[in-house]
């Protein structure tokens, strides 16, 4: 087990006594910093600046995958359905270079994934004609999107802990199963901030749940820390599939009974495994890589060898992973790429109403 795997396992199940004591002490310092920042915002020493158009934040309380990118896509589509001209602002994690960059304008994608970051590039690809801007300074990125492209609303990717921009709608994503891990703050657990931070949310979305009853841990946390905040449930559903070598779309039914080796370098590979489990794919194996992993020729050669030894007909991965390997030579076996979308399974009216209440200031 790698150091990263041991850390993730500890976040879910707890650490040994010695490690636990050390991480608890470090987490205490982290808690102090969070408290100081909260005190400064409450007393006006720090302030959020307004962009004078509705700002919607998609974020979470934990480190790890909760399905923020598909939620950003759904938020943009909801805004467009309501008559807005939405834009997306992201930090662009893992990108090469810095500063403010326009990933996509209303006409085309202007940056590759290496310069944009894999998630902004994927959003630009999935949302044609929607401006996507990346920058560490979200306020300046938002100003650029508004001034240059005339957007009437902005969706912030991973913006819950980002307090410098005034946000009109805070959406928190959480996994329905074990949403808070061991319930501890970083680095002793996966929490970016205490659960009382839920009181800033306007809407909480539990992913991996067909109904509210499957998100009982989140419902209990809301009842204790943020009573009245609506809970919505959602599933990540495969909507499209293409074969990467030929760049041709194939029906999802083409994967029925196929023996495939799956691999993923995303924050929550278990979510992709669950999506595959709901199909009729016969997995010969599942290889996990670290989140945002950029693949090498050696990686693909090892995957090809693993597929051959397992008798796999081909391989299957996520669209986000394909973004990070598409420049490499094609595999000898077919590589199927699944596109997923966030599908609301309960609370759709609460989601729609939250967006319908947004008005330009």
Protein backbone atom coordinates (compact mmCIF):
# COMPACT_ATOMS: atom_id res chain seq x y z
CA UNK A 1 0.00 0.00 0.00
CA UNK A 2 1.42 3.39 -1.02
CA UNK A 3 1.67 6.36 1.36
CA UNK A 4 -1.24 8.00 -0.46
CA UNK A 5 -3.38 4.89 -0.10
CA UNK A 6 -2.53 4.66 3.60
CA UNK A 7 -3.56 8.29 4.05
CA UNK A 8 -6.86 7.82 2.22
CA UNK A 9 -7.55 4.63 4.16
CA UNK A 10 -6.84 6.46 7.42
CA UNK A 11 -9.21 9.26 6.46
CA UNK A 12 -11.95 6.70 6.05
CA UNK A 13 -11.19 4.25 8.87
CA UNK A 14 -8.81 6.04 11.25
CA UNK A 15 -5.07 5.82 11.92
CA UNK A 16 -2.94 4.04 14.49
CA UNK A 17 -2.48 5.70 17.89
CA UNK A 18 0.86 7.38 17.20
CA UNK A 19 -0.06 8.77 13.80
CA UNK A 20 -3.48 9.78 15.07
CA UNK A 21 -1.98 11.85 17.91
CA UNK A 22 0.39 13.70 15.58
CA UNK A 23 -2.25 14.45 12.95
CA UNK A 24 -4.72 15.59 15.61
CA UNK A 25 -2.18 18.14 16.85
CA UNK A 26 -1.59 19.47 13.31
CA UNK A 27 -5.33 19.57 12.69
CA UNK A 28 -5.70 21.72 15.81
CA UNK A 29 -3.44 24.35 14.25
CA UNK A 30 -5.42 24.16 11.02
CA UNK A 31 -8.66 24.62 12.96
CA UNK A 32 -7.18 27.72 14.57
CA UNK A 33 -6.37 29.23 11.18
CA UNK A 34 -9.90 28.54 9.95
CA UNK A 35 -11.34 30.14 13.08
CA UNK A 36 -9.17 33.24 12.67
CA UNK A 37 -10.29 33.65 9.07
CA UNK A 38 -13.94 33.24 10.04
CA UNK A 39 -13.51 35.87 12.79
CA UNK A 40 -11.97 38.33 10.32
CA UNK A 41 -14.79 37.89 7.81
CA UNK A 42 -17.44 38.22 10.54
CA UNK A 43 -15.96 41.53 11.73
CA UNK A 44 -15.27 43.05 8.34
CA UNK A 45 -11.47 42.84 8.34
CA UNK A 46 -11.86 40.60 5.31
CA UNK A 47 -14.69 41.08 2.83
CA UNK A 48 -16.14 39.38 -0.22
CA UNK A 49 -16.31 41.53 -3.36
CA UNK A 50 -19.33 41.56 -5.64
CA UNK A 51 -19.25 40.96 -9.39
CA UNK A 52 -22.72 42.55 -9.76
CA UNK A 53 -24.09 39.45 -11.47
CA UNK A 54 -25.27 36.20 -9.86
CA UNK A 55 -22.41 33.92 -8.79
CA UNK A 56 -23.06 30.23 -8.18
CA UNK A 57 -20.46 28.19 -6.32
CA UNK A 58 -20.10 24.43 -6.68
CA UNK A 59 -17.90 23.08 -3.88
CA UNK A 60 -17.57 20.64 -1.04
CA UNK A 61 -16.42 20.23 2.56
CA UNK A 62 -13.98 17.42 1.91
CA UNK A 63 -10.88 16.59 -0.07
CA UNK A 64 -11.73 14.05 -2.73
CA UNK A 65 -14.22 13.44 -5.47
CA UNK A 66 -17.84 14.41 -4.99
CA UNK A 67 -18.74 15.03 -8.62
CA UNK A 68 -18.20 18.78 -8.82
CA UNK A 69 -17.37 18.90 -12.54
CA UNK A 70 -20.66 17.27 -13.70
CA UNK A 71 -22.47 19.54 -11.21
CA UNK A 72 -20.87 22.62 -12.80
CA UNK A 73 -22.10 21.38 -16.18
CA UNK A 74 -25.63 20.88 -14.82
CA UNK A 75 -25.60 24.33 -13.20
CA UNK A 76 -24.56 25.96 -16.50
CA UNK A 77 -27.29 24.11 -18.41
CA UNK A 78 -29.88 25.11 -15.79
CA UNK A 79 -28.88 28.77 -16.04
CA UNK A 80 -29.05 28.63 -19.84
CA UNK A 81 -32.54 27.09 -19.66
CA UNK A 82 -33.60 30.03 -17.48
CA UNK A 83 -32.39 32.58 -20.01
CA UNK A 84 -28.94 33.42 -18.63
CA UNK A 85 -25.68 33.69 -20.53
CA UNK A 86 -23.50 31.69 -18.12
CA UNK A 87 -19.73 31.53 -17.84
CA UNK A 88 -17.42 29.25 -15.84
CA UNK A 89 -14.54 30.34 -13.61
CA UNK A 90 -12.03 27.81 -12.27
CA UNK A 91 -8.62 27.84 -10.63
CA UNK A 92 -7.37 25.39 -13.26
CA UNK A 93 -5.69 22.91 -10.95
CA UNK A 94 -2.56 21.28 -12.37
CA UNK A 95 -2.26 23.56 -15.40
CA UNK A 96 1.04 24.71 -16.80
CA UNK A 97 1.59 28.43 -16.49
CA UNK A 98 -0.31 30.95 -14.44
CA UNK A 99 -2.23 34.20 -14.56
CA UNK A 100 -5.67 34.73 -16.04
CA UNK A 101 -6.33 32.62 -19.11
CA UNK A 102 -9.34 32.23 -21.39
CA UNK A 103 -9.81 28.51 -21.96
CA UNK A 104 -12.82 28.94 -24.24
CA UNK A 105 -14.83 31.84 -25.61
CA UNK A 106 -18.22 31.81 -27.28
CA UNK A 107 -16.71 30.50 -30.51
CA UNK A 108 -14.00 27.95 -29.73
CA UNK A 109 -11.64 26.30 -27.25
CA UNK A 110 -8.46 28.37 -27.11
CA UNK A 111 -6.21 26.39 -24.75
CA UNK A 112 -5.20 22.76 -24.59
CA UNK A 113 -5.71 20.71 -21.43
CA UNK A 114 -2.08 21.15 -20.36
CA UNK A 115 -2.43 24.95 -20.25
CA UNK A 116 -6.05 25.02 -19.09
CA UNK A 117 -6.14 22.15 -16.58
CA UNK A 118 -8.01 18.94 -17.29
CA UNK A 119 -11.31 19.93 -15.67
CA UNK A 120 -11.68 23.40 -17.31
CA UNK A 121 -10.77 21.87 -20.68
CA UNK A 122 -13.34 19.13 -20.19
CA UNK A 123 -16.01 21.70 -19.26
CA UNK A 124 -15.15 23.76 -22.33
CA UNK A 125 -15.50 20.63 -24.44
CA UNK A 126 -18.84 19.67 -22.89
CA UNK A 127 -20.27 23.21 -22.94
CA UNK A 128 -19.77 24.71 -26.40
CA UNK A 129 -20.22 28.49 -26.67
CA UNK A 130 -19.86 28.92 -22.89
CA UNK A 131 -16.86 31.07 -21.84
CA UNK A 132 -14.44 29.33 -19.46
CA UNK A 133 -11.79 31.38 -17.63
CA UNK A 134 -9.08 30.10 -15.26
CA UNK A 135 -7.13 32.03 -12.66
CA UNK A 136 -6.06 31.81 -9.03
CA UNK A 137 -7.81 35.14 -8.42
CA UNK A 138 -11.46 34.19 -8.93
CA UNK A 139 -12.65 37.78 -8.62
CA UNK A 140 -10.42 39.01 -11.45
CA UNK A 141 -11.32 35.95 -13.53
CA UNK A 142 -15.00 36.75 -13.02
CA UNK A 143 -14.48 40.38 -13.98
CA UNK A 144 -12.73 39.29 -17.18
CA UNK A 145 -15.59 36.90 -18.06
CA UNK A 146 -18.17 39.61 -17.50
CA UNK A 147 -16.30 42.41 -19.33
CA UNK A 148 -15.10 40.43 -22.33
CA UNK A 149 -17.99 38.02 -22.89
CA UNK A 150 -20.99 39.75 -21.32
CA UNK A 151 -21.97 36.78 -19.18
CA UNK A 152 -25.03 37.30 -16.98
CA UNK A 153 -24.10 34.66 -14.37
CA UNK A 154 -20.91 32.88 -13.30
CA UNK A 155 -20.44 29.34 -12.01
CA UNK A 156 -17.40 28.92 -9.75
CA UNK A 157 -15.82 25.47 -9.86
CA UNK A 158 -14.66 24.37 -6.38
CA UNK A 159 -15.55 27.68 -4.75
CA UNK A 160 -17.04 26.88 -1.32
CA UNK A 161 -13.91 27.76 0.66
CA UNK A 162 -13.14 30.70 -1.63
CA UNK A 163 -14.55 33.70 0.24
CA UNK A 164 -13.14 36.67 -1.69
CA UNK A 165 -16.06 36.69 -4.15
CA UNK A 166 -19.66 37.29 -3.02
CA UNK A 167 -21.73 34.24 -3.96
CA UNK A 168 -25.48 34.23 -4.43
CA UNK A 169 -25.92 30.46 -4.45
CA UNK A 170 -23.69 28.06 -2.51
CA UNK A 171 -24.08 24.43 -3.59
CA UNK A 172 -22.23 21.83 -1.54
CA UNK A 173 -21.55 18.40 -3.03
CA UNK A 174 -21.09 15.34 -0.80
CA UNK A 175 -20.98 11.59 -1.28
CA UNK A 176 -24.05 9.88 0.14
CA UNK A 177 -21.92 7.04 1.52
CA UNK A 178 -19.51 8.07 4.31
CA UNK A 179 -19.70 11.74 3.30
CA UNK A 180 -17.28 13.04 5.96
CA UNK A 181 -14.85 10.11 6.18
CA UNK A 182 -13.59 9.83 9.74
CA UNK A 183 -15.10 13.24 10.51
CA UNK A 184 -11.81 14.99 11.21
CA UNK A 185 -10.13 18.09 9.81
CA UNK A 186 -7.11 18.00 7.54
CA UNK A 187 -4.62 16.41 7.79
CA UNK A 188 -6.16 13.93 10.24
CA UNK A 189 -9.24 13.55 8.07
CA UNK A 190 -10.71 14.70 4.75
CA UNK A 191 -12.64 17.74 6.07
CA UNK A 192 -11.53 21.09 4.69
CA UNK A 193 -13.55 22.82 7.42
CA UNK A 194 -15.88 21.79 10.28
CA UNK A 195 -19.38 20.58 9.46
CA UNK A 196 -20.85 23.81 10.82
CA UNK A 197 -19.64 25.31 7.54
CA UNK A 198 -22.78 23.76 6.04
CA UNK A 199 -24.72 26.75 7.41
CA UNK A 200 -23.29 28.82 4.52
CA UNK A 201 -24.84 26.44 1.98
CA UNK A 202 -28.09 27.14 0.15
CA UNK A 203 -28.34 23.62 -1.27
CA UNK A 204 -26.60 20.30 -0.59
CA UNK A 205 -26.38 17.59 -3.25
CA UNK A 206 -25.74 13.99 -2.17
CA UNK A 207 -24.18 12.00 -5.01
CA UNK A 208 -24.52 8.25 -5.38
CA UNK A 209 -28.08 8.19 -4.00
CA UNK A 210 -31.34 7.30 -5.70
CA UNK A 211 -33.42 8.89 -2.92
CA UNK A 212 -33.04 11.02 0.20
CA UNK A 213 -33.20 7.96 2.49
CA UNK A 214 -29.83 6.86 1.08
CA UNK A 215 -28.19 10.08 2.29
CA UNK A 216 -29.09 9.82 5.98
CA UNK A 217 -25.65 10.91 7.26
CA UNK A 218 -25.89 14.14 5.27
CA UNK A 219 -29.48 14.70 6.42
CA UNK A 220 -28.39 14.33 10.06
CA UNK A 221 -25.54 16.81 9.59
CA UNK A 222 -27.92 19.31 8.01
CA UNK A 223 -30.46 18.88 10.80
CA UNK A 224 -27.75 19.65 13.36
CA UNK A 225 -25.74 22.38 11.63
CA UNK A 226 -27.92 23.86 8.88
CA UNK A 227 -31.62 23.15 9.45
CA UNK A 228 -33.76 24.21 6.53
CA UNK A 229 -31.10 23.77 3.86
CA UNK A 230 -32.62 21.56 1.12
CA UNK A 231 -31.06 18.18 0.37
CA UNK A 232 -31.01 16.97 -3.23
CA UNK A 233 -29.86 13.52 -4.34
CA UNK A 234 -28.20 12.62 -7.62
CA UNK A 235 -26.45 9.86 -9.55
CA UNK A 236 -23.67 9.99 -12.11
CA UNK A 237 -25.11 8.34 -15.21
CA UNK A 238 -23.23 7.28 -18.33
CA UNK A 239 -24.69 9.13 -21.30
CA UNK A 240 -22.24 8.62 -24.15
CA UNK A 241 -19.40 6.35 -25.14
CA UNK A 242 -16.76 6.71 -27.81
CA UNK A 243 -13.88 4.56 -28.96
CA UNK A 244 -10.75 6.68 -28.62
CA UNK A 245 -8.67 5.08 -31.38
CA UNK A 246 -11.19 5.69 -34.14
CA UNK A 247 -12.81 8.69 -32.38
CA UNK A 248 -16.24 7.31 -33.14
CA UNK A 249 -19.27 7.16 -30.90
CA UNK A 250 -20.62 3.74 -30.04
CA UNK A 251 -23.90 2.92 -28.30
CA UNK A 252 -23.63 2.12 -24.59
CA UNK A 253 -25.20 -1.23 -25.40
CA UNK A 254 -22.01 -2.11 -27.32
CA UNK A 255 -20.31 -2.60 -23.95
CA UNK A 256 -22.85 -5.20 -22.78
CA UNK A 257 -20.92 -8.32 -21.84
CA UNK A 258 -17.59 -6.87 -23.01
CA UNK A 259 -14.54 -7.96 -21.02
CA UNK A 260 -12.76 -4.69 -20.24
CA UNK A 261 -9.91 -3.48 -18.06
CA UNK A 262 -10.96 -0.24 -16.35
CA UNK A 263 -8.61 2.48 -15.15
CA UNK A 264 -9.06 5.96 -13.69
CA UNK A 265 -6.98 8.76 -12.21
CA UNK A 266 -9.73 10.76 -10.55
CA UNK A 267 -10.44 11.81 -6.97
CA UNK A 268 -13.06 9.10 -6.44
CA UNK A 269 -12.35 6.03 -8.60
CA UNK A 270 -15.01 4.19 -6.60
CA UNK A 271 -17.63 6.37 -8.25
CA UNK A 272 -16.48 5.29 -11.71
CA UNK A 273 -16.41 1.68 -10.55
CA UNK A 274 -20.00 2.10 -9.31
CA UNK A 275 -21.09 3.55 -12.66
CA UNK A 276 -19.54 0.58 -14.46
CA UNK A 277 -21.20 -1.76 -11.98
CA UNK A 278 -24.58 -0.50 -13.09
CA UNK A 279 -23.78 -1.52 -16.67
CA UNK A 280 -23.24 -5.01 -18.06
CA UNK A 281 -19.49 -4.62 -18.49
CA UNK A 282 -17.48 -7.63 -17.31
CA UNK A 283 -14.42 -6.06 -15.67
CA UNK A 284 -11.19 -8.04 -15.81
CA UNK A 285 -9.53 -5.55 -13.46
CA UNK A 286 -9.55 -1.98 -12.21
CA UNK A 287 -6.36 0.09 -12.08
CA UNK A 288 -6.33 3.30 -9.99
CA UNK A 289 -4.01 6.26 -10.53
CA UNK A 290 -3.70 9.41 -8.44
CA UNK A 291 -6.10 12.28 -9.13
CA UNK A 292 -5.16 14.46 -12.16
CA UNK A 293 -2.54 11.90 -13.23
CA UNK A 294 -0.99 12.70 -16.63
CA UNK A 295 -0.39 9.42 -18.40
CA UNK A 296 2.87 8.34 -20.00
CA UNK A 297 3.67 5.85 -22.73
CA UNK A 298 4.92 3.52 -19.99
CA UNK A 299 1.58 3.73 -18.17
CA UNK A 300 -0.32 2.74 -21.29
CA UNK A 301 2.13 -0.07 -22.05
CA UNK A 302 1.56 -1.51 -18.57
CA UNK A 303 -2.21 -1.20 -18.99
CA UNK A 304 -2.00 -2.91 -22.38
CA UNK A 305 0.00 -5.76 -20.85
CA UNK A 306 -2.44 -6.08 -17.96
CA UNK A 307 -5.37 -6.19 -20.39
CA UNK A 308 -3.66 -8.93 -22.42
CA UNK A 309 -2.85 -11.09 -19.40
CA UNK A 310 -6.46 -10.77 -18.16
CA UNK A 311 -7.97 -11.67 -21.51
CA UNK A 312 -9.66 -8.27 -21.89
CA UNK A 313 -11.28 -7.31 -25.18
CA UNK A 314 -10.41 -3.67 -24.54
CA UNK A 315 -10.07 -0.94 -21.92
CA UNK A 316 -12.45 1.63 -20.49
CA UNK A 317 -11.82 4.93 -18.72
CA UNK A 318 -13.41 8.28 -17.92
CA UNK A 319 -13.61 11.28 -20.20
CA UNK A 320 -11.46 13.25 -17.74
CA UNK A 321 -8.74 10.59 -17.99
CA UNK A 322 -8.94 10.57 -21.77
CA UNK A 323 -8.20 14.32 -21.74
CA UNK A 324 -4.86 13.50 -20.10
CA UNK A 325 -3.81 10.71 -22.46
CA UNK A 326 -5.30 11.67 -25.80
CA UNK A 327 -1.96 12.94 -27.19
CA UNK A 328 -0.30 9.54 -26.71
CA UNK A 329 -0.17 6.87 -29.42
CA UNK A 330 -3.33 4.75 -29.52
CA UNK A 331 -3.54 1.40 -27.80
CA UNK A 332 -3.68 -1.83 -29.79
CA UNK A 333 -6.93 -2.79 -28.06
CA UNK A 334 -10.04 -0.60 -28.21
CA UNK A 335 -10.17 2.12 -25.55
CA UNK A 336 -13.72 3.07 -24.63
CA UNK A 337 -14.33 6.45 -23.01
CA UNK A 338 -17.44 7.02 -20.92
CA UNK A 339 -19.05 10.43 -20.56
CA UNK A 340 -21.20 10.91 -17.46
CA UNK A 341 -23.69 13.54 -16.40
CA UNK A 342 -25.22 14.36 -13.06
CA UNK A 343 -28.84 13.23 -12.95
CA UNK A 344 -30.99 14.49 -10.08
CA UNK A 345 -32.94 11.68 -8.43
CA UNK A 346 -34.84 13.71 -5.82
CA UNK A 347 -35.27 17.39 -5.00
CA UNK A 348 -35.27 18.58 -8.60
CA UNK A 349 -37.79 21.32 -7.72
CA UNK A 350 -35.49 22.64 -4.97
CA UNK A 351 -32.59 22.75 -7.44
CA UNK A 352 -34.62 24.56 -10.07
CA UNK A 353 -36.14 27.03 -7.58
CA UNK A 354 -32.70 27.94 -6.21
CA UNK A 355 -31.58 29.00 -9.69
CA UNK A 356 -34.88 30.65 -10.60
CA UNK A 357 -34.50 33.03 -7.65
CA UNK A 358 -31.24 34.44 -9.00
CA UNK A 359 -31.56 37.95 -10.36
CA UNK A 360 -28.88 40.35 -11.61
CA UNK A 361 -28.09 43.01 -9.04
